Amino acid sequence: MDTFVTELSRARDETVMIFVQMGGTPGAGFAGVLTAVNTDYVTLVANVSTPPAGTPAPVVTVTPVPPGATIHIPISKIVALVRNTT
């Protein structure tokens, strides 16, 4: 897990897509700027104000902040990180 947190930390201040373990529509993820990383959760700032359809509230916390949202995602629920490394 430490190596994954380290990889997440390298993506700080970049636009990323994070896919989470959840019910509902598979393939839905969260896109935004990764603003914070710690051993428990990550924080994204996104241009959306609602989570993907079917996202249960206990998985992530979405706080609307005009014109977007601050999204807190537990590290334990992340299944994939997509980022541009070029």
N, C-alpha and C. Protein backbone atom coordinates (compact mmCIF):
# COMPACT_ATOMS: atom_id res chain seq x y z
N MET A 1 0.83 -1.20 0.00
CA MET A 1 0.00 0.00 0.00
C MET A 1 0.87 1.25 0.00
N ASP A 2 2.02 1.21 0.68
CA ASP A 2 2.89 2.39 0.73
C ASP A 2 3.35 2.82 -0.65
N THR A 3 3.65 1.85 -1.53
CA THR A 3 4.10 2.22 -2.87
C THR A 3 2.97 2.87 -3.66
N PHE A 4 1.73 2.44 -3.43
CA PHE A 4 0.59 3.06 -4.11
C PHE A 4 0.39 4.49 -3.62
N VAL A 5 0.50 4.72 -2.33
CA VAL A 5 0.39 6.07 -1.78
C VAL A 5 1.51 6.96 -2.33
N THR A 6 2.70 6.40 -2.48
CA THR A 6 3.81 7.15 -3.06
C THR A 6 3.50 7.52 -4.51
N GLU A 7 2.94 6.58 -5.26
CA GLU A 7 2.58 6.87 -6.66
C GLU A 7 1.49 7.94 -6.72
N LEU A 8 0.51 7.86 -5.84
CA LEU A 8 -0.52 8.90 -5.78
C LEU A 8 0.10 10.25 -5.47
N SER A 9 1.05 10.28 -4.56
CA SER A 9 1.71 11.53 -4.18
C SER A 9 2.44 12.16 -5.36
N ARG A 10 3.00 11.33 -6.22
CA ARG A 10 3.70 11.86 -7.41
C ARG A 10 2.74 12.57 -8.36
N ALA A 11 1.47 12.22 -8.29
CA ALA A 11 0.47 12.81 -9.19
C ALA A 11 -0.19 14.06 -8.59
N ARG A 12 0.26 14.48 -7.43
CA ARG A 12 -0.34 15.65 -6.77
C ARG A 12 -0.24 16.88 -7.68
N ASP A 13 -1.29 17.67 -7.72
CA ASP A 13 -1.42 18.87 -8.54
C ASP A 13 -1.58 18.57 -10.03
N GLU A 14 -1.80 17.31 -10.38
CA GLU A 14 -2.07 16.92 -11.76
C GLU A 14 -3.53 16.54 -11.91
N THR A 15 -4.02 16.61 -13.16
CA THR A 15 -5.37 16.12 -13.45
C THR A 15 -5.28 14.61 -13.61
N VAL A 16 -6.11 13.89 -12.85
CA VAL A 16 -6.11 12.43 -12.85
C VAL A 16 -7.54 11.92 -12.96
N MET A 17 -7.66 10.63 -13.21
CA MET A 17 -8.94 9.93 -13.15
C MET A 17 -8.75 8.81 -12.15
N ILE A 18 -9.65 8.72 -11.17
CA ILE A 18 -9.57 7.68 -10.14
C ILE A 18 -10.84 6.85 -10.22
N PHE A 19 -10.65 5.54 -10.36
CA PHE A 19 -11.76 4.60 -10.35
C PHE A 19 -11.82 3.95 -8.97
N VAL A 20 -13.06 3.79 -8.46
CA VAL A 20 -13.23 3.27 -7.11
C VAL A 20 -14.06 2.00 -7.10
N GLN A 21 -13.87 1.23 -6.04
CA GLN A 21 -14.67 0.03 -5.80
C GLN A 21 -16.02 0.50 -5.29
N MET A 22 -17.09 0.19 -6.06
CA MET A 22 -18.42 0.65 -5.65
C MET A 22 -19.49 -0.18 -6.33
N GLY A 23 -20.71 0.00 -5.88
CA GLY A 23 -21.85 -0.59 -6.55
C GLY A 23 -22.29 0.33 -7.67
N GLY A 24 -23.37 -0.02 -8.32
CA GLY A 24 -23.88 0.85 -9.38
C GLY A 24 -23.19 0.61 -10.70
N THR A 25 -23.20 1.62 -11.55
CA THR A 25 -22.66 1.52 -12.89
C THR A 25 -21.15 1.30 -12.86
N PRO A 26 -20.67 0.16 -13.40
CA PRO A 26 -19.23 -0.04 -13.42
C PRO A 26 -18.56 0.88 -14.44
N GLY A 27 -17.31 1.20 -14.23
CA GLY A 27 -16.58 2.03 -15.15
C GLY A 27 -16.66 3.51 -14.85
N ALA A 28 -17.46 3.89 -13.86
CA ALA A 28 -17.56 5.30 -13.49
C ALA A 28 -16.39 5.67 -12.59
N GLY A 29 -15.80 6.79 -12.85
CA GLY A 29 -14.67 7.24 -12.04
C GLY A 29 -14.79 8.72 -11.75
N PHE A 30 -13.82 9.25 -11.08
CA PHE A 30 -13.78 10.65 -10.71
C PHE A 30 -12.57 11.30 -11.37
N ALA A 31 -12.80 12.40 -12.07
CA ALA A 31 -11.71 13.13 -12.72
C ALA A 31 -11.58 14.49 -12.05
N GLY A 32 -10.35 14.91 -11.84
CA GLY A 32 -10.12 16.21 -11.25
C GLY A 32 -8.65 16.40 -10.92
N VAL A 33 -8.33 17.52 -10.30
CA VAL A 33 -6.96 17.80 -9.89
C VAL A 33 -6.75 17.19 -8.51
N LEU A 34 -5.73 16.36 -8.39
CA LEU A 34 -5.39 15.72 -7.12
C LEU A 34 -4.71 16.76 -6.23
N THR A 35 -5.39 17.17 -5.18
CA THR A 35 -4.88 18.27 -4.35
C THR A 35 -4.27 17.82 -3.03
N ALA A 36 -4.63 16.62 -2.56
CA ALA A 36 -4.08 16.13 -1.28
C ALA A 36 -4.02 14.62 -1.29
N VAL A 37 -2.97 14.09 -0.64
CA VAL A 37 -2.79 12.64 -0.51
C VAL A 37 -2.27 12.37 0.89
N ASN A 38 -2.90 11.43 1.59
CA ASN A 38 -2.34 10.93 2.84
C ASN A 38 -2.56 9.43 2.89
N THR A 39 -2.24 8.78 3.97
CA THR A 39 -2.35 7.32 4.02
C THR A 39 -3.79 6.83 4.10
N ASP A 40 -4.74 7.72 4.35
CA ASP A 40 -6.14 7.32 4.48
C ASP A 40 -7.01 7.68 3.27
N TYR A 41 -6.78 8.84 2.67
CA TYR A 41 -7.64 9.28 1.57
C TYR A 41 -6.91 10.26 0.66
N VAL A 42 -7.54 10.48 -0.53
CA VAL A 42 -7.06 11.51 -1.45
C VAL A 42 -8.18 12.53 -1.63
N THR A 43 -7.80 13.72 -2.06
CA THR A 43 -8.77 14.78 -2.34
C THR A 43 -8.58 15.25 -3.77
N LEU A 44 -9.70 15.29 -4.49
CA LEU A 44 -9.73 15.83 -5.85
C LEU A 44 -10.59 17.08 -5.86
N VAL A 45 -10.23 18.04 -6.71
CA VAL A 45 -11.11 19.17 -6.99
C VAL A 45 -11.56 18.97 -8.42
N ALA A 46 -12.87 18.88 -8.61
CA ALA A 46 -13.43 18.55 -9.92
C ALA A 46 -14.39 19.63 -10.40
N ASN A 47 -14.66 19.61 -11.69
CA ASN A 47 -15.61 20.55 -12.28
C ASN A 47 -17.02 20.00 -12.31
N VAL A 48 -17.30 19.00 -11.50
CA VAL A 48 -18.63 18.41 -11.42
C VAL A 48 -19.16 18.61 -10.01
N SER A 49 -20.46 18.60 -9.87
CA SER A 49 -21.03 18.77 -8.53
C SER A 49 -21.74 17.53 -8.03
N THR A 50 -21.78 16.47 -8.84
CA THR A 50 -22.41 15.23 -8.41
C THR A 50 -21.51 14.05 -8.73
N PRO A 51 -21.55 12.99 -7.91
CA PRO A 51 -20.74 11.80 -8.17
C PRO A 51 -21.36 10.99 -9.31
N PRO A 52 -20.62 10.02 -9.87
CA PRO A 52 -21.19 9.15 -10.88
C PRO A 52 -22.42 8.44 -10.37
N ALA A 53 -23.35 8.13 -11.26
CA ALA A 53 -24.59 7.43 -10.88
C ALA A 53 -24.26 6.14 -10.16
N GLY A 54 -24.98 5.87 -9.08
CA GLY A 54 -24.81 4.63 -8.35
C GLY A 54 -23.74 4.65 -7.29
N THR A 55 -23.08 5.79 -7.07
CA THR A 55 -22.03 5.86 -6.06
C THR A 55 -22.66 5.94 -4.67
N PRO A 56 -22.46 4.93 -3.82
CA PRO A 56 -23.01 4.99 -2.47
C PRO A 56 -22.24 6.00 -1.62
N ALA A 57 -22.93 6.74 -0.80
CA ALA A 57 -22.33 7.79 0.03
C ALA A 57 -21.16 7.31 0.89
N PRO A 58 -21.19 6.09 1.46
CA PRO A 58 -20.05 5.70 2.30
C PRO A 58 -18.73 5.54 1.54
N VAL A 59 -18.78 5.40 0.22
CA VAL A 59 -17.55 5.19 -0.54
C VAL A 59 -16.75 6.47 -0.67
N VAL A 60 -17.41 7.55 -1.05
CA VAL A 60 -16.73 8.83 -1.24
C VAL A 60 -17.56 9.94 -0.63
N THR A 61 -16.93 11.07 -0.37
CA THR A 61 -17.64 12.25 0.11
C THR A 61 -17.47 13.33 -0.93
N VAL A 62 -18.59 13.85 -1.45
CA VAL A 62 -18.55 14.91 -2.46
C VAL A 62 -19.16 16.16 -1.84
N THR A 63 -18.40 17.23 -1.82
CA THR A 63 -18.86 18.50 -1.28
C THR A 63 -18.93 19.52 -2.41
N PRO A 64 -20.15 19.95 -2.82
CA PRO A 64 -20.24 20.94 -3.89
C PRO A 64 -19.56 22.24 -3.50
N VAL A 65 -18.71 22.73 -4.39
CA VAL A 65 -18.01 23.99 -4.21
C VAL A 65 -18.08 24.69 -5.57
N PRO A 66 -18.95 25.70 -5.69
CA PRO A 66 -19.11 26.33 -7.01
C PRO A 66 -17.78 26.75 -7.59
N PRO A 67 -17.49 26.45 -8.83
CA PRO A 67 -18.37 25.81 -9.82
C PRO A 67 -18.17 24.31 -9.91
N GLY A 68 -17.64 23.65 -8.91
CA GLY A 68 -17.37 22.22 -8.99
C GLY A 68 -17.59 21.51 -7.68
N ALA A 69 -16.65 20.65 -7.32
CA ALA A 69 -16.80 19.86 -6.10
C ALA A 69 -15.43 19.45 -5.57
N THR A 70 -15.36 19.27 -4.24
CA THR A 70 -14.21 18.67 -3.60
C THR A 70 -14.60 17.23 -3.28
N ILE A 71 -13.77 16.27 -3.71
CA ILE A 71 -14.10 14.86 -3.57
C ILE A 71 -13.04 14.19 -2.70
N HIS A 72 -13.47 13.52 -1.64
CA HIS A 72 -12.58 12.79 -0.75
C HIS A 72 -12.80 11.29 -0.99
N ILE A 73 -11.74 10.59 -1.35
CA ILE A 73 -11.84 9.16 -1.68
C ILE A 73 -10.90 8.37 -0.78
N PRO A 74 -11.44 7.40 -0.03
CA PRO A 74 -10.57 6.56 0.80
C PRO A 74 -9.59 5.76 -0.07
N ILE A 75 -8.33 5.70 0.34
CA ILE A 75 -7.32 4.93 -0.37
C ILE A 75 -7.78 3.49 -0.56
N SER A 76 -8.42 2.92 0.46
CA SER A 76 -8.84 1.52 0.42
C SER A 76 -9.89 1.24 -0.65
N LYS A 77 -10.54 2.26 -1.19
CA LYS A 77 -11.58 2.07 -2.21
C LYS A 77 -11.08 2.33 -3.62
N ILE A 78 -9.83 2.78 -3.77
CA ILE A 78 -9.30 3.07 -5.10
C ILE A 78 -8.84 1.78 -5.75
N VAL A 79 -9.31 1.55 -7.00
CA VAL A 79 -8.88 0.36 -7.74
C VAL A 79 -7.99 0.71 -8.92
N ALA A 80 -8.02 1.99 -9.37
CA ALA A 80 -7.16 2.40 -10.49
C ALA A 80 -6.93 3.89 -10.48
N LEU A 81 -5.73 4.27 -10.90
CA LEU A 81 -5.35 5.67 -11.08
C LEU A 81 -4.90 5.84 -12.52
N VAL A 82 -5.47 6.82 -13.22
CA VAL A 82 -5.08 7.10 -14.59
C VAL A 82 -4.51 8.51 -14.62
N ARG A 83 -3.28 8.63 -15.17
CA ARG A 83 -2.65 9.93 -15.26
C ARG A 83 -1.79 9.99 -16.51
N ASN A 84 -1.55 11.18 -16.99
CA ASN A 84 -0.70 11.39 -18.14
C ASN A 84 0.74 11.54 -17.65
N THR A 85 1.62 10.69 -18.13
CA THR A 85 3.01 10.74 -17.66
C THR A 85 3.97 11.28 -18.73
N THR A 86 3.43 11.85 -19.78
CA THR A 86 4.32 12.38 -20.83
C THR A 86 4.75 13.79 -20.51
